Amino acid sequence: MSESDWLEKEFKNIEFGDKRLRDRFFSMANIFSRRPDETINKAVVNFADKKATYRLFSHKNFSSDKILFEHRESTSSRLQNESVALMIHDSSFFSFNSKRSIKGLGNIGGKAGDQETHGFIGHYSLAVNINDVPLGVMALSTWSRAYDDMWEKESDRWAEAILETEKHCPKGTKLIHVADREADQFEVLFTLIKIIKIL
């Protein structure tokens, strides 16, 4: 299956309230699927396409939540074929030290020279079947330590991700939650015990 065919199948129900936005989404997704490691400026060669990409991202009807929703629905469908699946939870730190003008970035730990490393944090939950085939992302959250309220809740991300993935997991599929030692905390274990009791 080509990248284009996969995208059409994965996001077949996605809507932005305008066919042109939908067409632009698939056009941009095709470009980024071929060059996922590049920035927009490097991945999108044509100047008109670059402008169209930024217009799409800033449009009031466009949101990453809509993309995640459709991907999660497709992932949930794939999980229906699995009696047992792994749900792998972890965080990634995105450094933007070279882009100090970006507002809302916070300290993500460490230093670059004499400056704190600035960026944001993402927490992801990836479903994988027992044959090591990735099925898709079931939960995703991002935050910045620039905002005190997010900093206070940061440790909650593990339990929240477990609850989110269980909520969208089809009945008949058992999830085995996998995380590193950062998740070794009371809230996470208590959440898992509650889920076991519900099941």
N, C-alpha and C. Protein backbone atom coordinates (compact mmCIF):
# COMPACT_ATOMS: atom_id res chain seq x y z
N MET A 1 0.84 -1.19 0.00
CA MET A 1 0.00 0.00 0.00
C MET A 1 0.89 1.25 0.00
N SER A 2 0.60 2.18 -0.88
CA SER A 2 1.39 3.41 -0.96
C SER A 2 1.06 4.33 0.22
N GLU A 3 1.94 5.33 0.46
CA GLU A 3 1.66 6.30 1.53
C GLU A 3 0.35 7.02 1.29
N SER A 4 0.11 7.36 0.02
CA SER A 4 -1.12 8.08 -0.33
C SER A 4 -2.36 7.25 -0.04
N ASP A 5 -2.32 5.96 -0.40
CA ASP A 5 -3.46 5.07 -0.15
C ASP A 5 -3.68 4.89 1.35
N TRP A 6 -2.58 4.76 2.10
CA TRP A 6 -2.70 4.59 3.54
C TRP A 6 -3.34 5.82 4.18
N LEU A 7 -2.90 7.01 3.76
CA LEU A 7 -3.45 8.25 4.31
C LEU A 7 -4.94 8.38 4.02
N GLU A 8 -5.33 8.04 2.79
CA GLU A 8 -6.75 8.11 2.41
C GLU A 8 -7.59 7.17 3.27
N LYS A 9 -7.05 6.00 3.55
CA LYS A 9 -7.78 5.03 4.36
C LYS A 9 -7.80 5.45 5.83
N GLU A 10 -6.65 5.89 6.33
CA GLU A 10 -6.52 6.25 7.75
C GLU A 10 -7.41 7.43 8.13
N PHE A 11 -7.50 8.41 7.23
CA PHE A 11 -8.22 9.65 7.55
C PHE A 11 -9.45 9.84 6.67
N LYS A 12 -10.07 8.74 6.28
CA LYS A 12 -11.18 8.81 5.33
C LYS A 12 -12.35 9.65 5.83
N ASN A 13 -12.53 9.74 7.14
CA ASN A 13 -13.67 10.48 7.69
C ASN A 13 -13.32 11.88 8.18
N ILE A 14 -12.08 12.31 7.97
CA ILE A 14 -11.68 13.62 8.50
C ILE A 14 -12.39 14.75 7.75
N GLU A 15 -12.84 15.75 8.50
CA GLU A 15 -13.55 16.89 7.91
C GLU A 15 -13.07 18.18 8.57
N PHE A 16 -12.93 19.20 7.73
CA PHE A 16 -12.57 20.53 8.23
C PHE A 16 -13.61 21.58 7.83
N GLY A 17 -14.76 21.11 7.34
CA GLY A 17 -15.82 22.04 6.96
C GLY A 17 -15.65 22.67 5.59
N ASP A 18 -14.64 22.24 4.85
CA ASP A 18 -14.36 22.82 3.53
C ASP A 18 -13.54 21.79 2.75
N LYS A 19 -14.03 21.43 1.57
CA LYS A 19 -13.33 20.41 0.76
C LYS A 19 -11.91 20.84 0.42
N ARG A 20 -11.70 22.15 0.22
CA ARG A 20 -10.36 22.64 -0.13
C ARG A 20 -9.37 22.39 1.01
N LEU A 21 -9.84 22.58 2.26
CA LEU A 21 -8.98 22.31 3.41
C LEU A 21 -8.65 20.83 3.51
N ARG A 22 -9.66 20.01 3.23
CA ARG A 22 -9.45 18.56 3.27
C ARG A 22 -8.44 18.13 2.21
N ASP A 23 -8.59 18.67 1.00
CA ASP A 23 -7.65 18.35 -0.09
C ASP A 23 -6.24 18.81 0.27
N ARG A 24 -6.14 20.00 0.87
CA ARG A 24 -4.84 20.54 1.25
C ARG A 24 -4.21 19.67 2.34
N PHE A 25 -5.02 19.20 3.28
CA PHE A 25 -4.52 18.31 4.34
C PHE A 25 -3.87 17.07 3.73
N PHE A 26 -4.57 16.42 2.80
CA PHE A 26 -4.03 15.19 2.19
C PHE A 26 -2.79 15.50 1.36
N SER A 27 -2.79 16.64 0.69
CA SER A 27 -1.62 17.03 -0.10
C SER A 27 -0.40 17.22 0.80
N MET A 28 -0.58 17.95 1.90
CA MET A 28 0.52 18.19 2.83
C MET A 28 0.95 16.90 3.55
N ALA A 29 -0.03 16.08 3.93
CA ALA A 29 0.29 14.82 4.61
C ALA A 29 1.13 13.92 3.72
N ASN A 30 0.83 13.92 2.42
CA ASN A 30 1.63 13.13 1.47
C ASN A 30 3.07 13.62 1.41
N ILE A 31 3.24 14.93 1.40
CA ILE A 31 4.59 15.50 1.37
C ILE A 31 5.35 15.13 2.64
N PHE A 32 4.72 15.32 3.80
CA PHE A 32 5.39 15.05 5.07
C PHE A 32 5.63 13.57 5.30
N SER A 33 4.79 12.71 4.73
CA SER A 33 5.00 11.26 4.90
C SER A 33 6.26 10.80 4.17
N ARG A 34 6.64 11.53 3.12
CA ARG A 34 7.85 11.18 2.38
C ARG A 34 9.10 11.78 3.02
N ARG A 35 8.91 12.88 3.80
CA ARG A 35 10.06 13.54 4.44
C ARG A 35 9.72 13.90 5.89
N PRO A 36 9.46 12.89 6.72
CA PRO A 36 8.98 13.18 8.09
C PRO A 36 10.02 13.83 9.00
N ASP A 37 11.29 13.74 8.62
CA ASP A 37 12.35 14.28 9.46
C ASP A 37 12.70 15.73 9.14
N GLU A 38 12.01 16.32 8.16
CA GLU A 38 12.35 17.67 7.71
C GLU A 38 11.41 18.72 8.29
N THR A 39 11.91 19.95 8.34
CA THR A 39 11.05 21.09 8.70
C THR A 39 10.13 21.39 7.53
N ILE A 40 9.13 22.22 7.77
CA ILE A 40 8.21 22.60 6.68
C ILE A 40 8.99 23.22 5.53
N ASN A 41 9.92 24.11 5.84
CA ASN A 41 10.67 24.80 4.79
C ASN A 41 11.50 23.85 3.92
N LYS A 42 11.98 22.77 4.51
CA LYS A 42 12.77 21.81 3.74
C LYS A 42 11.91 20.76 3.06
N ALA A 43 10.83 20.35 3.73
CA ALA A 43 9.97 19.30 3.17
C ALA A 43 9.14 19.83 2.00
N VAL A 44 8.66 21.06 2.13
CA VAL A 44 7.80 21.65 1.10
C VAL A 44 8.66 22.56 0.22
N VAL A 45 8.92 22.13 -0.99
CA VAL A 45 9.85 22.84 -1.87
C VAL A 45 9.20 24.04 -2.53
N ASN A 46 7.98 23.86 -3.03
CA ASN A 46 7.28 24.91 -3.76
C ASN A 46 6.82 26.03 -2.81
N PHE A 47 7.11 27.30 -3.18
CA PHE A 47 6.77 28.44 -2.31
C PHE A 47 5.27 28.56 -2.08
N ALA A 48 4.48 28.35 -3.13
CA ALA A 48 3.01 28.44 -3.00
C ALA A 48 2.49 27.37 -2.04
N ASP A 49 3.09 26.17 -2.10
CA ASP A 49 2.69 25.10 -1.18
C ASP A 49 3.06 25.42 0.26
N LYS A 50 4.21 26.10 0.44
CA LYS A 50 4.60 26.51 1.79
C LYS A 50 3.57 27.47 2.37
N LYS A 51 3.19 28.45 1.58
CA LYS A 51 2.19 29.41 2.05
C LYS A 51 0.88 28.71 2.37
N ALA A 52 0.48 27.79 1.50
CA ALA A 52 -0.77 27.05 1.69
C ALA A 52 -0.71 26.20 2.96
N THR A 53 0.47 25.65 3.25
CA THR A 53 0.63 24.84 4.46
C THR A 53 0.44 25.68 5.71
N TYR A 54 1.09 26.84 5.75
CA TYR A 54 0.94 27.72 6.91
C TYR A 54 -0.48 28.24 7.04
N ARG A 55 -1.14 28.49 5.92
CA ARG A 55 -2.55 28.93 5.96
C ARG A 55 -3.42 27.81 6.54
N LEU A 56 -3.15 26.58 6.12
CA LEU A 56 -3.91 25.44 6.63
C LEU A 56 -3.74 25.33 8.15
N PHE A 57 -2.49 25.39 8.62
CA PHE A 57 -2.22 25.23 10.05
C PHE A 57 -2.84 26.34 10.89
N SER A 58 -3.00 27.52 10.31
CA SER A 58 -3.56 28.64 11.07
C SER A 58 -5.06 28.80 10.88
N HIS A 59 -5.68 27.96 10.05
CA HIS A 59 -7.12 28.07 9.80
C HIS A 59 -7.90 27.66 11.05
N LYS A 60 -8.97 28.39 11.33
CA LYS A 60 -9.76 28.15 12.55
C LYS A 60 -10.40 26.76 12.58
N ASN A 61 -10.65 26.15 11.41
CA ASN A 61 -11.28 24.83 11.36
C ASN A 61 -10.28 23.67 11.44
N PHE A 62 -9.00 24.00 11.38
CA PHE A 62 -7.97 22.96 11.38
C PHE A 62 -7.42 22.79 12.80
N SER A 63 -7.27 21.55 13.24
CA SER A 63 -6.67 21.31 14.56
C SER A 63 -6.02 19.93 14.59
N SER A 64 -4.97 19.83 15.39
CA SER A 64 -4.30 18.54 15.56
C SER A 64 -5.21 17.55 16.28
N ASP A 65 -6.17 18.06 17.07
CA ASP A 65 -7.12 17.17 17.76
C ASP A 65 -7.95 16.37 16.76
N LYS A 66 -8.34 17.00 15.66
CA LYS A 66 -9.12 16.29 14.64
C LYS A 66 -8.29 15.18 13.99
N ILE A 67 -7.03 15.46 13.76
CA ILE A 67 -6.15 14.46 13.15
C ILE A 67 -5.95 13.29 14.11
N LEU A 68 -5.67 13.60 15.39
CA LEU A 68 -5.48 12.53 16.38
C LEU A 68 -6.76 11.72 16.55
N PHE A 69 -7.91 12.38 16.55
CA PHE A 69 -9.18 11.67 16.71
C PHE A 69 -9.36 10.61 15.63
N GLU A 70 -9.14 11.01 14.37
CA GLU A 70 -9.32 10.07 13.25
C GLU A 70 -8.28 8.94 13.30
N HIS A 71 -7.05 9.31 13.62
CA HIS A 71 -5.99 8.28 13.72
C HIS A 71 -6.30 7.31 14.85
N ARG A 72 -6.78 7.83 15.98
CA ARG A 72 -7.12 6.96 17.11
C ARG A 72 -8.28 6.04 16.77
N GLU A 73 -9.27 6.55 16.02
CA GLU A 73 -10.39 5.71 15.60
C GLU A 73 -9.88 4.55 14.73
N SER A 74 -8.97 4.87 13.81
CA SER A 74 -8.40 3.83 12.94
C SER A 74 -7.56 2.84 13.75
N THR A 75 -6.81 3.37 14.71
CA THR A 75 -5.99 2.50 15.57
C THR A 75 -6.87 1.58 16.40
N SER A 76 -7.96 2.13 16.91
CA SER A 76 -8.91 1.33 17.69
C SER A 76 -9.49 0.20 16.85
N SER A 77 -9.76 0.48 15.57
CA SER A 77 -10.26 -0.56 14.66
C SER A 77 -9.23 -1.67 14.48
N ARG A 78 -7.96 -1.29 14.38
CA ARG A 78 -6.90 -2.29 14.24
C ARG A 78 -6.76 -3.13 15.52
N LEU A 79 -6.98 -2.48 16.65
CA LEU A 79 -6.89 -3.20 17.93
C LEU A 79 -7.98 -4.25 18.08
N GLN A 80 -9.08 -4.09 17.37
CA GLN A 80 -10.17 -5.08 17.45
C GLN A 80 -9.71 -6.46 17.00
N ASN A 81 -8.68 -6.49 16.18
CA ASN A 81 -8.15 -7.77 15.68
C ASN A 81 -7.16 -8.42 16.65
N GLU A 82 -6.90 -7.75 17.78
CA GLU A 82 -5.89 -8.23 18.72
C GLU A 82 -6.55 -8.61 20.05
N SER A 83 -6.25 -9.79 20.55
CA SER A 83 -6.77 -10.16 21.88
C SER A 83 -5.92 -9.51 22.97
N VAL A 84 -4.61 -9.33 22.68
CA VAL A 84 -3.69 -8.69 23.61
C VAL A 84 -2.81 -7.74 22.82
N ALA A 85 -2.55 -6.56 23.38
CA ALA A 85 -1.65 -5.61 22.73
C ALA A 85 -0.86 -4.85 23.79
N LEU A 86 0.31 -4.39 23.40
CA LEU A 86 1.11 -3.54 24.28
C LEU A 86 0.70 -2.09 24.08
N MET A 87 0.67 -1.33 25.18
CA MET A 87 0.47 0.11 25.10
C MET A 87 1.72 0.74 25.72
N ILE A 88 2.57 1.27 24.87
CA ILE A 88 3.88 1.78 25.31
C ILE A 88 3.78 3.28 25.54
N HIS A 89 4.05 3.70 26.78
CA HIS A 89 3.95 5.10 27.17
C HIS A 89 5.35 5.68 27.38
N ASP A 90 5.59 6.87 26.84
CA ASP A 90 6.87 7.54 27.11
C ASP A 90 6.77 9.02 26.75
N SER A 91 7.74 9.78 27.24
CA SER A 91 7.79 11.21 26.97
C SER A 91 9.01 11.53 26.11
N SER A 92 8.88 12.59 25.31
CA SER A 92 10.00 13.10 24.51
C SER A 92 10.15 14.58 24.79
N PHE A 93 11.38 15.05 24.75
CA PHE A 93 11.68 16.45 25.01
C PHE A 93 12.14 17.10 23.71
N PHE A 94 11.50 18.20 23.35
CA PHE A 94 11.78 18.89 22.09
C PHE A 94 12.47 20.22 22.39
N SER A 95 13.74 20.29 21.99
CA SER A 95 14.53 21.49 22.27
C SER A 95 14.41 22.51 21.14
N PHE A 96 14.17 23.75 21.54
CA PHE A 96 14.11 24.85 20.58
C PHE A 96 15.06 25.96 20.99
N ASN A 97 16.25 25.58 21.45
CA ASN A 97 17.22 26.57 21.91
C ASN A 97 17.62 27.55 20.82
N SER A 98 17.59 27.09 19.58
CA SER A 98 17.98 27.99 18.48
C SER A 98 16.83 28.90 18.06
N LYS A 99 15.65 28.71 18.66
CA LYS A 99 14.47 29.52 18.31
C LYS A 99 13.96 30.22 19.56
N ARG A 100 14.78 31.06 20.15
CA ARG A 100 14.44 31.73 21.40
C ARG A 100 13.25 32.68 21.27
N SER A 101 12.91 33.06 20.05
CA SER A 101 11.81 34.01 19.85
C SER A 101 10.44 33.35 20.01
N ILE A 102 10.39 32.01 20.01
CA ILE A 102 9.11 31.31 20.15
C ILE A 102 8.60 31.49 21.58
N LYS A 103 7.37 31.96 21.70
CA LYS A 103 6.79 32.20 23.02
C LYS A 103 6.22 30.91 23.61
N GLY A 104 6.25 30.83 24.94
CA GLY A 104 5.61 29.72 25.63
C GLY A 104 6.49 28.51 25.87
N LEU A 105 7.76 28.58 25.50
CA LEU A 105 8.66 27.45 25.75
C LEU A 105 9.17 27.51 27.18
N GLY A 106 9.44 26.35 27.76
CA GLY A 106 9.93 26.30 29.13
C GLY A 106 11.19 25.46 29.25
N ASN A 107 11.76 25.43 30.43
CA ASN A 107 12.96 24.66 30.70
C ASN A 107 12.64 23.16 30.61
N ILE A 108 13.41 22.43 29.81
CA ILE A 108 13.19 20.99 29.70
C ILE A 108 14.35 20.19 30.30
N GLY A 109 15.18 20.87 31.08
CA GLY A 109 16.29 20.20 31.76
C GLY A 109 17.58 20.31 30.97
N GLY A 110 18.66 20.40 31.69
CA GLY A 110 19.96 20.49 31.04
C GLY A 110 20.30 21.89 30.59
N LYS A 111 21.49 22.01 30.01
CA LYS A 111 21.95 23.31 29.54
C LYS A 111 22.61 23.16 28.18
N ALA A 112 22.51 24.23 27.40
CA ALA A 112 23.23 24.33 26.14
C ALA A 112 24.18 25.51 26.32
N GLY A 113 25.44 25.22 26.59
CA GLY A 113 26.37 26.29 26.93
C GLY A 113 26.02 26.83 28.30
N ASP A 114 25.79 28.15 28.37
CA ASP A 114 25.43 28.76 29.65
C ASP A 114 23.93 29.03 29.76
N GLN A 115 23.14 28.51 28.81
CA GLN A 115 21.69 28.74 28.82
C GLN A 115 20.93 27.46 29.13
N GLU A 116 19.79 27.64 29.84
CA GLU A 116 18.90 26.50 30.06
C GLU A 116 18.35 26.01 28.72
N THR A 117 18.13 24.71 28.62
CA THR A 117 17.54 24.16 27.41
C THR A 117 16.04 24.41 27.43
N HIS A 118 15.55 25.10 26.39
CA HIS A 118 14.14 25.46 26.31
C HIS A 118 13.43 24.66 25.22
N GLY A 119 12.16 24.34 25.49
CA GLY A 119 11.36 23.61 24.53
C GLY A 119 10.03 23.21 25.13
N PHE A 120 9.50 22.10 24.66
CA PHE A 120 8.26 21.57 25.23
C PHE A 120 8.38 20.05 25.35
N ILE A 121 7.42 19.46 26.03
CA ILE A 121 7.44 18.03 26.30
C ILE A 121 6.21 17.38 25.68
N GLY A 122 6.41 16.20 25.11
CA GLY A 122 5.29 15.44 24.56
C GLY A 122 5.23 14.07 25.23
N HIS A 123 4.02 13.63 25.52
CA HIS A 123 3.83 12.30 26.13
C HIS A 123 2.95 11.48 25.20
N TYR A 124 3.38 10.28 24.84
CA TYR A 124 2.73 9.49 23.80
C TYR A 124 2.43 8.08 24.28
N SER A 125 1.35 7.53 23.75
CA SER A 125 0.98 6.14 24.04
C SER A 125 0.80 5.41 22.72
N LEU A 126 1.71 4.51 22.42
CA LEU A 126 1.74 3.80 21.15
C LEU A 126 1.27 2.36 21.32
N ALA A 127 0.26 1.97 20.54
CA ALA A 127 -0.23 0.59 20.56
C ALA A 127 0.62 -0.26 19.62
N VAL A 128 1.05 -1.41 20.11
CA VAL A 128 1.88 -2.35 19.35
C VAL A 128 1.33 -3.75 19.57
N ASN A 129 1.21 -4.54 18.50
CA ASN A 129 0.70 -5.90 18.72
C ASN A 129 1.82 -6.83 19.18
N ILE A 130 1.47 -8.07 19.50
CA ILE A 130 2.46 -8.99 20.08
C ILE A 130 3.51 -9.45 19.07
N ASN A 131 3.31 -9.09 17.79
CA ASN A 131 4.31 -9.38 16.75
C ASN A 131 5.19 -8.17 16.46
N ASP A 132 5.15 -7.18 17.36
CA ASP A 132 5.97 -5.96 17.27
C ASP A 132 5.56 -5.03 16.13
N VAL A 133 4.31 -5.13 15.67
CA VAL A 133 3.82 -4.24 14.61
C VAL A 133 3.13 -3.04 15.26
N PRO A 134 3.63 -1.81 15.01
CA PRO A 134 2.95 -0.63 15.55
C PRO A 134 1.56 -0.47 14.94
N LEU A 135 0.58 -0.22 15.81
CA LEU A 135 -0.81 -0.07 15.35
C LEU A 135 -1.25 1.38 15.32
N GLY A 136 -0.62 2.23 16.11
CA GLY A 136 -0.96 3.65 16.10
C GLY A 136 -0.89 4.29 17.47
N VAL A 137 -0.99 5.61 17.47
CA VAL A 137 -0.95 6.39 18.71
C VAL A 137 -2.36 6.50 19.28
N MET A 138 -2.51 6.14 20.55
CA MET A 138 -3.83 6.17 21.19
C MET A 138 -4.01 7.37 22.11
N ALA A 139 -2.92 7.97 22.56
CA ALA A 139 -3.01 9.16 23.41
C ALA A 139 -1.79 10.02 23.17
N LEU A 140 -1.99 11.33 23.27
CA LEU A 140 -0.91 12.27 23.02
C LEU A 140 -1.21 13.54 23.80
N SER A 141 -0.23 14.03 24.52
CA SER A 141 -0.38 15.33 25.19
C SER A 141 0.95 16.07 25.12
N THR A 142 0.87 17.38 25.00
CA THR A 142 2.07 18.21 24.99
C THR A 142 1.89 19.33 26.01
N TRP A 143 3.00 19.79 26.57
CA TRP A 143 2.92 20.90 27.51
C TRP A 143 4.27 21.57 27.63
N SER A 144 4.24 22.76 28.22
CA SER A 144 5.45 23.53 28.44
C SER A 144 5.57 23.85 29.92
N ARG A 145 6.76 23.80 30.43
CA ARG A 145 7.00 24.14 31.83
C ARG A 145 7.01 25.65 32.06
N ALA A 146 6.74 26.40 31.01
CA ALA A 146 6.63 27.85 31.16
C ALA A 146 5.37 28.22 31.93
N TYR A 147 4.42 27.27 31.98
CA TYR A 147 3.16 27.53 32.65
C TYR A 147 3.10 26.74 33.95
N ASP A 148 2.98 27.44 35.08
CA ASP A 148 3.05 26.79 36.39
C ASP A 148 2.00 25.72 36.60
N ASP A 149 0.77 25.97 36.08
CA ASP A 149 -0.30 25.00 36.31
C ASP A 149 0.02 23.66 35.64
N MET A 150 0.67 23.69 34.47
CA MET A 150 1.05 22.45 33.80
C MET A 150 2.19 21.76 34.56
N TRP A 151 3.10 22.55 35.09
CA TRP A 151 4.23 21.98 35.83
C TRP A 151 3.74 21.20 37.04
N GLU A 152 2.71 21.69 37.74
CA GLU A 152 2.19 21.01 38.92
C GLU A 152 1.54 19.67 38.56
N LYS A 153 1.00 19.56 37.36
CA LYS A 153 0.28 18.35 36.95
C LYS A 153 1.15 17.38 36.14
N GLU A 154 2.40 17.69 35.97
CA GLU A 154 3.23 16.93 35.03
C GLU A 154 3.27 15.43 35.33
N SER A 155 3.35 15.06 36.60
CA SER A 155 3.45 13.64 36.93
C SER A 155 2.14 12.90 36.66
N ASP A 156 1.04 13.63 36.51
CA ASP A 156 -0.26 12.99 36.24
C ASP A 156 -0.35 12.40 34.84
N ARG A 157 0.59 12.76 33.97
CA ARG A 157 0.46 12.37 32.56
C ARG A 157 0.41 10.86 32.38
N TRP A 158 1.11 10.12 33.23
CA TRP A 158 1.14 8.66 33.09
C TRP A 158 -0.24 8.06 33.34
N ALA A 159 -0.85 8.42 34.46
CA ALA A 159 -2.18 7.90 34.79
C ALA A 159 -3.22 8.37 33.78
N GLU A 160 -3.13 9.63 33.37
CA GLU A 160 -4.09 10.17 32.40
C GLU A 160 -3.99 9.43 31.07
N ALA A 161 -2.78 9.11 30.65
CA ALA A 161 -2.59 8.39 29.38
C ALA A 161 -3.15 6.97 29.47
N ILE A 162 -2.97 6.33 30.60
CA ILE A 162 -3.52 4.98 30.79
C ILE A 162 -5.04 5.01 30.70
N LEU A 163 -5.65 5.96 31.40
CA LEU A 163 -7.12 6.08 31.37
C LEU A 163 -7.62 6.39 29.96
N GLU A 164 -6.91 7.27 29.27
CA GLU A 164 -7.31 7.65 27.90
C GLU A 164 -7.25 6.46 26.95
N THR A 165 -6.19 5.68 27.04
CA THR A 165 -6.05 4.54 26.13
C THR A 165 -7.06 3.45 26.46
N GLU A 166 -7.32 3.23 27.72
CA GLU A 166 -8.32 2.23 28.11
C GLU A 166 -9.71 2.64 27.64
N LYS A 167 -9.99 3.93 27.70
CA LYS A 167 -11.30 4.44 27.28
C LYS A 167 -11.57 4.16 25.81
N HIS A 168 -10.53 4.22 24.99
CA HIS A 168 -10.69 4.05 23.55
C HIS A 168 -10.34 2.65 23.06
N CYS A 169 -9.96 1.79 23.98
CA CYS A 169 -9.62 0.41 23.59
C CYS A 169 -10.89 -0.41 23.39
N PRO A 170 -10.99 -1.15 22.29
CA PRO A 170 -12.19 -1.97 22.06
C PRO A 170 -12.34 -3.08 23.09
N LYS A 171 -13.58 -3.41 23.39
CA LYS A 171 -13.84 -4.52 24.32
C LYS A 171 -13.32 -5.80 23.68
N GLY A 172 -12.75 -6.64 24.49
CA GLY A 172 -12.19 -7.89 23.97
C GLY A 172 -10.70 -7.81 23.73
N THR A 173 -10.13 -6.59 23.82
CA THR A 173 -8.68 -6.43 23.67
C THR A 173 -8.09 -6.06 25.03
N LYS A 174 -7.15 -6.86 25.49
CA LYS A 174 -6.49 -6.58 26.76
C LYS A 174 -5.21 -5.80 26.49
N LEU A 175 -5.03 -4.69 27.20
CA LEU A 175 -3.83 -3.88 27.05
C LEU A 175 -2.83 -4.19 28.16
N ILE A 176 -1.58 -4.35 27.76
CA ILE A 176 -0.48 -4.47 28.71
C ILE A 176 0.27 -3.14 28.65
N HIS A 177 0.22 -2.36 29.72
CA HIS A 177 0.82 -1.03 29.74
C HIS A 177 2.31 -1.13 30.07
N VAL A 178 3.12 -0.50 29.23
CA VAL A 178 4.58 -0.55 29.36
C VAL A 178 5.09 0.88 29.54
N ALA A 179 5.91 1.08 30.57
CA ALA A 179 6.49 2.40 30.82
C ALA A 179 7.82 2.23 31.54
N ASP A 180 8.65 3.28 31.50
CA ASP A 180 9.93 3.19 32.20
C ASP A 180 9.73 3.54 33.68
N ARG A 181 10.83 3.63 34.42
CA ARG A 181 10.73 3.79 35.87
C ARG A 181 10.14 5.13 36.29
N GLU A 182 10.05 6.08 35.38
CA GLU A 182 9.43 7.36 35.73
C GLU A 182 7.95 7.18 36.09
N ALA A 183 7.35 6.11 35.57
CA ALA A 183 5.94 5.84 35.86
C ALA A 183 5.76 5.02 37.14
N ASP A 184 6.85 4.71 37.81
CA ASP A 184 6.78 3.91 39.04
C ASP A 184 6.37 4.81 40.20
N GLN A 185 5.08 5.09 40.28
CA GLN A 185 4.55 5.99 41.29
C GLN A 185 3.15 5.54 41.70
N PHE A 186 2.72 5.99 42.85
CA PHE A 186 1.46 5.53 43.43
C PHE A 186 0.28 5.77 42.51
N GLU A 187 0.18 6.99 41.93
CA GLU A 187 -0.98 7.33 41.10
C GLU A 187 -1.16 6.36 39.92
N VAL A 188 -0.05 5.99 39.32
CA VAL A 188 -0.10 5.09 38.16
C VAL A 188 -0.56 3.70 38.59
N LEU A 189 0.03 3.17 39.65
CA LEU A 189 -0.34 1.84 40.13
C LEU A 189 -1.79 1.81 40.61
N PHE A 190 -2.22 2.88 41.27
CA PHE A 190 -3.60 2.97 41.75
C PHE A 190 -4.57 3.00 40.58
N THR A 191 -4.21 3.72 39.52
CA THR A 191 -5.04 3.79 38.31
C THR A 191 -5.18 2.40 37.69
N LEU A 192 -4.08 1.67 37.60
CA LEU A 192 -4.11 0.32 37.02
C LEU A 192 -4.98 -0.62 37.86
N ILE A 193 -4.89 -0.50 39.18
CA ILE A 193 -5.72 -1.34 40.06
C ILE A 193 -7.20 -1.04 39.84
N LYS A 194 -7.53 0.25 39.70
CA LYS A 194 -8.93 0.63 39.45
C LYS A 194 -9.43 0.05 38.14
N ILE A 195 -8.59 0.07 37.11
CA ILE A 195 -8.97 -0.47 35.80
C ILE A 195 -9.21 -1.97 35.91
N ILE A 196 -8.34 -2.68 36.61
CA ILE A 196 -8.50 -4.13 36.78
C ILE A 196 -9.83 -4.44 37.47
N LYS A 197 -10.19 -3.64 38.47
CA LYS A 197 -11.45 -3.86 39.19
C LYS A 197 -12.65 -3.61 38.28
N ILE A 198 -12.54 -2.59 37.41
CA ILE A 198 -13.63 -2.28 36.48
C ILE A 198 -13.80 -3.42 35.49
N LEU A 199 -12.67 -3.96 34.99
CA LEU A 199 -12.71 -5.05 34.01
C LEU A 199 -13.15 -6.35 34.67
